[in-house]
Structure formats: C-alpha cells, structure tokens
C-alpha cells in the first residue's frame, strides 16, 4: 500500500496553523490524486503522538518504502519543499514520534517550508522556545495560505513522481 501521511493537530482551532501544514496539504493533494492507488491519512491524534496512527499501517519493509510523511519545516522558507530520506527528525516532535513508533528513519518525507524569508531567501525564523511555539501554532494569513494552496500542485506532482519513478528521481526534480 502506498501511504501519504500529513502531520498536524486535529480540531478546528488548529485548522489553518503553520504546524498543520502537513494535514492541510494532504487534504489538498488527496483531491488532486483521488484516482490513484494511494491512501492518504491525517492522524486524529496530536502531533507529538503521530506515530501511533502510522505504526498500524506500516507492517513491513515494503510498507516503509511506500510511506511518505508530509510536515512543516521551520528551517525552510514558506513555499519551498525538500524531499528527504533516512534522516533524523531534526527536532520535529511529530516526525520524531513516527520514527520512534516505526523504529526506523528509512522512509520519505516532504518537508514544507513555513518561515518568512528575506528577498534573498534567508529564513527569518523566530528565536526562543516560546516565540517558536507561538509561530508554529499561529494561523496562516490569507496570502500565506494561498502560497500553500499553490504549492499543493508541486507536492502532488512530487508524490506521483516518488511512487512512479522513485525517490532519487523525485529528489533530483524537486529539491
């Protein structure tokens, strides 16, 4: 089974927050790829417990190879994506939960940039734990949300490429 998981928090109060970017994008790309043989899930538990929702669906090495996790990345500028494989969580608690539950880092991730950037592309992320938390749980403004919606086309294409032509091809095209 080909599985795409969008990380985020359930509930109306988190709906358009930056930390819900994975959930937002999975909702958008699921509509674009509805004829495909891909299962899309957005866990019903909170970000830090995402692994609990993923582990029952990934039982074999083959399942692991067919898993793509989409999530927000504060280290990337808004509107940029980066495909990664077999890497650490980078401090992302939701991804850390998935890695811990699966006892493996050997799966693909599509990291979605959420931070503002200078005209030269330098990321301007908040400093300090409280500022970071407030930023992550803050809602996108209308323009930012439009950027994410436009990005859904690229993310859908990346997911299709991953499953049709493999991770290396997808990484060469989208990173």
C-alpha atoms as a PDB file:
ATOM      1  CA  UNK A   1       0.000   0.000   0.000  1.00  0.00           C
ATOM      2  CA  UNK A   2       1.234   3.478  -0.891  1.00  0.00           C
ATOM      3  CA  UNK A   3       0.688   5.722   2.112  1.00  0.00           C
ATOM      4  CA  UNK A   4       0.917   9.512   2.455  1.00  0.00           C
ATOM      5  CA  UNK A   5       0.606  10.920   5.979  1.00  0.00           C
ATOM      6  CA  UNK A   6       0.043  14.610   6.715  1.00  0.00           C
ATOM      7  CA  UNK A   7       1.199  15.614  10.181  1.00  0.00           C
ATOM      8  CA  UNK A   8      -0.707  18.139  12.244  1.00  0.00           C
ATOM      9  CA  UNK A   9      -3.166  18.533  15.087  1.00  0.00           C
ATOM     10  CA  UNK A  10      -6.858  17.624  14.979  1.00  0.00           C
ATOM     11  CA  UNK A  11      -9.521  20.196  15.814  1.00  0.00           C
ATOM     12  CA  UNK A  12     -10.926  23.394  14.406  1.00  0.00           C
ATOM     13  CA  UNK A  13      -8.612  25.608  16.500  1.00  0.00           C
ATOM     14  CA  UNK A  14      -5.550  24.184  14.692  1.00  0.00           C
ATOM     15  CA  UNK A  15      -7.046  24.059  11.193  1.00  0.00           C
ATOM     16  CA  UNK A  16      -5.024  26.816   9.478  1.00  0.00           C
ATOM     17  CA  UNK A  17      -1.966  26.885  11.724  1.00  0.00           C
ATOM     18  CA  UNK A  18       1.564  26.523  10.393  1.00  0.00           C
ATOM     19  CA  UNK A  19       2.066  23.338  12.415  1.00  0.00           C
ATOM     20  CA  UNK A  20      -0.866  21.826  10.488  1.00  0.00           C
ATOM     21  CA  UNK A  21       0.775  22.280   7.092  1.00  0.00           C
ATOM     22  CA  UNK A  22       1.080  18.518   6.535  1.00  0.00           C
ATOM     23  CA  UNK A  23      -2.636  17.993   7.186  1.00  0.00           C
ATOM     24  CA  UNK A  24      -3.575  20.970   5.005  1.00  0.00           C
ATOM     25  CA  UNK A  25      -1.512  19.698   2.073  1.00  0.00           C
ATOM     26  CA  UNK A  26      -2.718  16.106   2.322  1.00  0.00           C
ATOM     27  CA  UNK A  27      -6.291  17.403   2.192  1.00  0.00           C
ATOM     28  CA  UNK A  28      -5.473  19.382  -0.944  1.00  0.00           C
ATOM     29  CA  UNK A  29      -3.437  16.749  -2.796  1.00  0.00           C
ATOM     30  CA  UNK A  30      -5.851  13.947  -1.962  1.00  0.00           C
ATOM     31  CA  UNK A  31      -8.403  15.753  -4.154  1.00  0.00           C
ATOM     32  CA  UNK A  32      -5.866  16.074  -6.981  1.00  0.00           C
ATOM     33  CA  UNK A  33      -4.838  12.399  -6.832  1.00  0.00           C
ATOM     34  CA  UNK A  34      -8.165  10.805  -5.968  1.00  0.00           C
ATOM     35  CA  UNK A  35      -7.974   8.214  -8.774  1.00  0.00           C
ATOM     36  CA  UNK A  36      -4.618   6.931  -7.578  1.00  0.00           C
ATOM     37  CA  UNK A  37      -3.877   3.852  -5.507  1.00  0.00           C
ATOM     38  CA  UNK A  38      -2.529   5.995  -2.671  1.00  0.00           C
ATOM     39  CA  UNK A  39      -4.012   6.023   0.819  1.00  0.00           C
ATOM     40  CA  UNK A  40      -3.949   9.476   2.434  1.00  0.00           C
ATOM     41  CA  UNK A  41      -4.227   9.871   6.191  1.00  0.00           C
ATOM     42  CA  UNK A  42      -4.233  12.729   8.643  1.00  0.00           C
ATOM     43  CA  UNK A  43      -3.840  11.253  12.135  1.00  0.00           C
ATOM     44  CA  UNK A  44      -6.627  12.023  14.599  1.00  0.00           C
ATOM     45  CA  UNK A  45      -4.165  12.298  17.456  1.00  0.00           C
ATOM     46  CA  UNK A  46      -1.980  15.276  18.292  1.00  0.00           C
ATOM     47  CA  UNK A  47       1.320  15.952  16.539  1.00  0.00           C
ATOM     48  CA  UNK A  48       3.512  14.537  19.309  1.00  0.00           C
ATOM     49  CA  UNK A  49       1.665  11.188  19.074  1.00  0.00           C
ATOM     50  CA  UNK A  50       1.600  10.893  15.271  1.00  0.00           C
ATOM     51  CA  UNK A  51       3.492   7.614  15.342  1.00  0.00           C
ATOM     52  CA  UNK A  52       0.553   5.841  17.000  1.00  0.00           C
ATOM     53  CA  UNK A  53      -1.566   6.439  13.888  1.00  0.00           C
ATOM     54  CA  UNK A  54       1.154   5.400  11.436  1.00  0.00           C
ATOM     55  CA  UNK A  55       2.550   2.232  13.015  1.00  0.00           C
ATOM     56  CA  UNK A  56      -0.565   0.040  12.457  1.00  0.00           C
ATOM     57  CA  UNK A  57      -0.395   0.826   8.717  1.00  0.00           C
ATOM     58  CA  UNK A  58       3.327   0.104   8.248  1.00  0.00           C
ATOM     59  CA  UNK A  59       3.994  -3.542   8.992  1.00  0.00           C
ATOM     60  CA  UNK A  60       6.797  -4.495   6.569  1.00  0.00           C
ATOM     61  CA  UNK A  61       9.945  -3.073   4.966  1.00  0.00           C
ATOM     62  CA  UNK A  62       7.944  -2.715   1.734  1.00  0.00           C
ATOM     63  CA  UNK A  63       5.319  -0.641   3.585  1.00  0.00           C
ATOM     64  CA  UNK A  64       8.135   1.522   4.945  1.00  0.00           C
ATOM     65  CA  UNK A  65       9.451   2.115   1.415  1.00  0.00           C
ATOM     66  CA  UNK A  66       5.937   3.170   0.346  1.00  0.00           C
ATOM     67  CA  UNK A  67       5.495   5.713   3.150  1.00  0.00           C
ATOM     68  CA  UNK A  68       5.695   9.470   2.599  1.00  0.00           C
ATOM     69  CA  UNK A  69       5.265  11.837   5.552  1.00  0.00           C
ATOM     70  CA  UNK A  70       4.442  15.486   4.839  1.00  0.00           C
ATOM     71  CA  UNK A  71       5.108  18.061   7.548  1.00  0.00           C
ATOM     72  CA  UNK A  72       6.012  21.682   8.300  1.00  0.00           C
ATOM     73  CA  UNK A  73       9.655  22.750   8.453  1.00  0.00           C
ATOM     74  CA  UNK A  74      10.552  25.995  10.216  1.00  0.00           C
ATOM     75  CA  UNK A  75      14.053  25.871   8.677  1.00  0.00           C
ATOM     76  CA  UNK A  76      12.741  26.290   5.121  1.00  0.00           C
ATOM     77  CA  UNK A  77      11.201  29.424   3.601  1.00  0.00           C
ATOM     78  CA  UNK A  78       7.446  29.491   3.008  1.00  0.00           C
ATOM     79  CA  UNK A  79       6.554  27.846  -0.286  1.00  0.00           C
ATOM     80  CA  UNK A  80       9.691  25.688  -0.609  1.00  0.00           C
ATOM     81  CA  UNK A  81       9.745  21.911  -0.350  1.00  0.00           C
ATOM     82  CA  UNK A  82      12.534  19.461   0.313  1.00  0.00           C
ATOM     83  CA  UNK A  83      12.317  15.703  -0.053  1.00  0.00           C
ATOM     84  CA  UNK A  84      14.390  13.769   2.482  1.00  0.00           C
ATOM     85  CA  UNK A  85      15.036  10.099   3.177  1.00  0.00           C
ATOM     86  CA  UNK A  86      16.535   8.243   6.130  1.00  0.00           C
ATOM     87  CA  UNK A  87      17.251  11.354   8.200  1.00  0.00           C
ATOM     88  CA  UNK A  88      16.672  12.298  11.822  1.00  0.00           C
ATOM     89  CA  UNK A  89      13.624  14.242  12.977  1.00  0.00           C
ATOM     90  CA  UNK A  90      15.584  17.493  13.013  1.00  0.00           C
ATOM     91  CA  UNK A  91      13.799  18.366  16.252  1.00  0.00           C
ATOM     92  CA  UNK A  92      10.295  17.978  14.779  1.00  0.00           C
ATOM     93  CA  UNK A  93       8.283  16.205  17.500  1.00  0.00           C
ATOM     94  CA  UNK A  94       5.650  14.768  15.151  1.00  0.00           C
ATOM     95  CA  UNK A  95       8.273  13.234  12.892  1.00  0.00           C
ATOM     96  CA  UNK A  96      10.190  12.063  15.962  1.00  0.00           C
ATOM     97  CA  UNK A  97       7.060  10.240  17.123  1.00  0.00           C
ATOM     98  CA  UNK A  98       6.752   8.489  13.740  1.00  0.00           C
ATOM     99  CA  UNK A  99      10.443   7.486  13.748  1.00  0.00           C
ATOM    100  CA  UNK A 100      10.195   6.162  17.305  1.00  0.00           C
ATOM    101  CA  UNK A 101       6.990   4.204  16.620  1.00  0.00           C
ATOM    102  CA  UNK A 102       8.356   2.668  13.397  1.00  0.00           C
ATOM    103  CA  UNK A 103      11.833   2.111  14.911  1.00  0.00           C
ATOM    104  CA  UNK A 104      13.231   3.396  11.628  1.00  0.00           C
ATOM    105  CA  UNK A 105      14.193   6.564   9.759  1.00  0.00           C
ATOM    106  CA  UNK A 106      14.087   4.750   6.401  1.00  0.00           C
ATOM    107  CA  UNK A 107      11.085   6.479   4.849  1.00  0.00           C
ATOM    108  CA  UNK A 108      10.500   9.516   2.703  1.00  0.00           C
ATOM    109  CA  UNK A 109       9.456  12.910   3.967  1.00  0.00           C
ATOM    110  CA  UNK A 110       8.339  16.005   2.154  1.00  0.00           C
ATOM    111  CA  UNK A 111       9.316  18.971   4.283  1.00  0.00           C
ATOM    112  CA  UNK A 112       7.244  22.084   3.668  1.00  0.00           C
ATOM    113  CA  UNK A 113       8.769  25.482   4.402  1.00  0.00           C
ATOM    114  CA  UNK A 114       6.695  27.728   6.658  1.00  0.00           C
ATOM    115  CA  UNK A 115       9.057  30.550   7.651  1.00  0.00           C
ATOM    116  CA  UNK A 116       9.227  34.064   6.222  1.00  0.00           C
ATOM    117  CA  UNK A 117      12.366  34.848   4.239  1.00  0.00           C
ATOM    118  CA  UNK A 118      14.291  37.877   3.057  1.00  0.00           C
ATOM    119  CA  UNK A 119      14.210  38.739  -0.669  1.00  0.00           C
ATOM    120  CA  UNK A 120      17.482  36.781  -0.976  1.00  0.00           C
ATOM    121  CA  UNK A 121      15.827  33.689   0.521  1.00  0.00           C
ATOM    122  CA  UNK A 122      17.373  33.837   4.001  1.00  0.00           C
ATOM    123  CA  UNK A 123      14.960  32.279   6.501  1.00  0.00           C
ATOM    124  CA  UNK A 124      13.792  34.608   9.292  1.00  0.00           C
ATOM    125  CA  UNK A 125      12.577  32.192  11.941  1.00  0.00           C
ATOM    126  CA  UNK A 126      11.582  33.209  15.463  1.00  0.00           C
ATOM    127  CA  UNK A 127      14.101  32.940  18.281  1.00  0.00           C
ATOM    128  CA  UNK A 128      13.392  31.347  21.638  1.00  0.00           C
ATOM    129  CA  UNK A 129      11.169  28.415  22.553  1.00  0.00           C
ATOM    130  CA  UNK A 130       8.054  30.485  23.314  1.00  0.00           C
ATOM    131  CA  UNK A 131       8.355  32.540  20.102  1.00  0.00           C
ATOM    132  CA  UNK A 132       8.802  29.357  18.039  1.00  0.00           C
ATOM    133  CA  UNK A 133       5.763  27.729  19.663  1.00  0.00           C
ATOM    134  CA  UNK A 134       3.628  30.831  19.091  1.00  0.00           C
ATOM    135  CA  UNK A 135       4.776  30.940  15.465  1.00  0.00           C
ATOM    136  CA  UNK A 136       4.033  27.247  14.836  1.00  0.00           C
ATOM    137  CA  UNK A 137       0.594  27.443  16.427  1.00  0.00           C
ATOM    138  CA  UNK A 138      -0.159  30.782  14.760  1.00  0.00           C
ATOM    139  CA  UNK A 139      -2.557  30.852  11.831  1.00  0.00           C
ATOM    140  CA  UNK A 140      -1.502  31.498   8.282  1.00  0.00           C
ATOM    141  CA  UNK A 141      -2.644  34.813   6.886  1.00  0.00           C
ATOM    142  CA  UNK A 142      -4.604  34.819   3.615  1.00  0.00           C
ATOM    143  CA  UNK A 143      -1.534  35.324   1.401  1.00  0.00           C
ATOM    144  CA  UNK A 144       0.453  32.581   3.155  1.00  0.00           C
ATOM    145  CA  UNK A 145      -2.472  30.165   2.842  1.00  0.00           C
ATOM    146  CA  UNK A 146      -2.670  30.936  -0.893  1.00  0.00           C
ATOM    147  CA  UNK A 147       1.039  30.090  -1.172  1.00  0.00           C
ATOM    148  CA  UNK A 148       0.397  26.720   0.494  1.00  0.00           C
ATOM    149  CA  UNK A 149      -2.588  26.047  -1.793  1.00  0.00           C
ATOM    150  CA  UNK A 150      -0.492  26.829  -4.890  1.00  0.00           C
ATOM    151  CA  UNK A 151       2.275  24.597  -3.537  1.00  0.00           C
ATOM    152  CA  UNK A 152      -0.150  21.666  -3.389  1.00  0.00           C
ATOM    153  CA  UNK A 153       0.226  21.168  -7.165  1.00  0.00           C
ATOM    154  CA  UNK A 154       4.010  20.727  -6.801  1.00  0.00           C
ATOM    155  CA  UNK A 155       3.615  18.451  -3.780  1.00  0.00           C
ATOM    156  CA  UNK A 156       1.069  16.296  -5.658  1.00  0.00           C
ATOM    157  CA  UNK A 157       3.492  16.008  -8.585  1.00  0.00           C
ATOM    158  CA  UNK A 158       6.325  15.100  -6.197  1.00  0.00           C
ATOM    159  CA  UNK A 159       4.194  12.361  -4.591  1.00  0.00           C
ATOM    160  CA  UNK A 160       3.289  10.969  -8.024  1.00  0.00           C
ATOM    161  CA  UNK A 161       6.954  11.012  -9.046  1.00  0.00           C
ATOM    162  CA  UNK A 162       8.024   9.262  -5.838  1.00  0.00           C
ATOM    163  CA  UNK A 163       5.607   6.386  -6.418  1.00  0.00           C
ATOM    164  CA  UNK A 164       6.026   6.179 -10.213  1.00  0.00           C
ATOM    165  CA  UNK A 165       9.753   6.823 -10.688  1.00  0.00           C
ATOM    166  CA  UNK A 166      11.335   6.524  -7.243  1.00  0.00           C
ATOM    167  CA  UNK A 167      12.799   8.762  -4.586  1.00  0.00           C
ATOM    168  CA  UNK A 168      16.017   9.620  -6.418  1.00  0.00           C
ATOM    169  CA  UNK A 169      14.154  10.983  -9.442  1.00  0.00           C
ATOM    170  CA  UNK A 170      11.777  12.948  -7.187  1.00  0.00           C
ATOM    171  CA  UNK A 171      14.668  14.402  -5.197  1.00  0.00           C
ATOM    172  CA  UNK A 172      16.501  15.439  -8.366  1.00  0.00           C
ATOM    173  CA  UNK A 173      13.388  17.200  -9.685  1.00  0.00           C
ATOM    174  CA  UNK A 174      12.029  18.858  -6.528  1.00  0.00           C
ATOM    175  CA  UNK A 175      14.997  19.574  -4.239  1.00  0.00           C
END
